[in-house]
Amino acid sequence: MTPAPDAIADCVLATFDQLPARRKPRPRGDGSREWVPLSGIVLAKGTITHLP
């Protein structure tokens, strides 16, 4: 069974949330935040019963 696109996005975002703060965009001097494109590669093998 192919995982749902939202489940894949949730997996990528959950993994990103676990990264240390030094690996994430920082606030700028004017109060705005840096932004970076986020992409992820998810390999699904077998049946997925849950995602982290």
Protein backbone atom coordinates (compact mmCIF):
# COMPACT_ATOMS: atom_id res chain seq x y z
CA MET A 1 0.00 0.00 0.00
CA THR A 2 1.35 3.42 -0.97
CA PRO A 3 1.50 5.93 1.92
CA ALA A 4 -0.78 8.95 1.65
CA PRO A 5 0.93 12.19 0.59
CA ASP A 6 -0.05 13.84 3.89
CA ALA A 7 1.59 10.98 5.82
CA ILE A 8 4.80 11.50 3.85
CA ALA A 9 4.73 15.25 4.54
CA ASP A 10 4.09 14.57 8.25
CA CYS A 11 7.10 12.24 8.33
CA VAL A 12 9.38 14.83 6.72
CA LEU A 13 8.16 17.62 9.02
CA ALA A 14 8.46 15.45 12.14
CA THR A 15 12.05 14.63 11.21
CA PHE A 16 12.80 18.33 10.60
CA ASP A 17 11.30 19.23 14.00
CA GLN A 18 13.78 16.85 15.66
CA LEU A 19 16.80 18.67 14.24
CA PRO A 20 18.80 20.87 16.63
CA ALA A 21 18.11 24.63 16.50
CA ARG A 22 21.46 25.29 14.80
CA ARG A 23 20.18 23.38 11.74
CA LYS A 24 17.03 25.50 11.36
CA PRO A 25 16.39 29.01 9.99
CA ARG A 26 17.24 31.79 12.46
CA PRO A 27 15.58 35.12 13.21
CA ARG A 28 17.14 38.08 11.39
CA GLY A 29 18.06 41.39 12.95
CA ASP A 30 14.86 43.05 11.70
CA GLY A 31 12.65 40.39 13.37
CA SER A 32 11.85 38.42 10.22
CA ARG A 33 12.95 34.81 9.93
CA GLU A 34 15.22 33.20 7.40
CA TRP A 35 13.57 30.66 5.16
CA VAL A 36 14.91 27.68 3.31
CA PRO A 37 13.32 25.23 0.89
CA LEU A 38 12.51 21.96 2.60
CA SER A 39 12.52 18.67 0.78
CA GLY A 40 12.68 15.10 1.94
CA ILE A 41 13.06 11.65 0.51
CA VAL A 42 10.96 8.97 2.16
CA LEU A 43 11.51 5.29 1.50
CA ALA A 44 8.57 3.06 2.37
CA LYS A 45 9.18 -0.65 2.51
CA GLY A 46 6.41 -3.09 3.33
CA THR A 47 3.21 -2.05 5.06
CA ILE A 48 3.26 1.15 7.05
CA THR A 49 1.24 0.96 10.26
CA HIS A 50 2.33 4.32 11.70
CA LEU A 51 4.78 7.15 11.16
CA PRO A 52 6.93 8.79 13.84
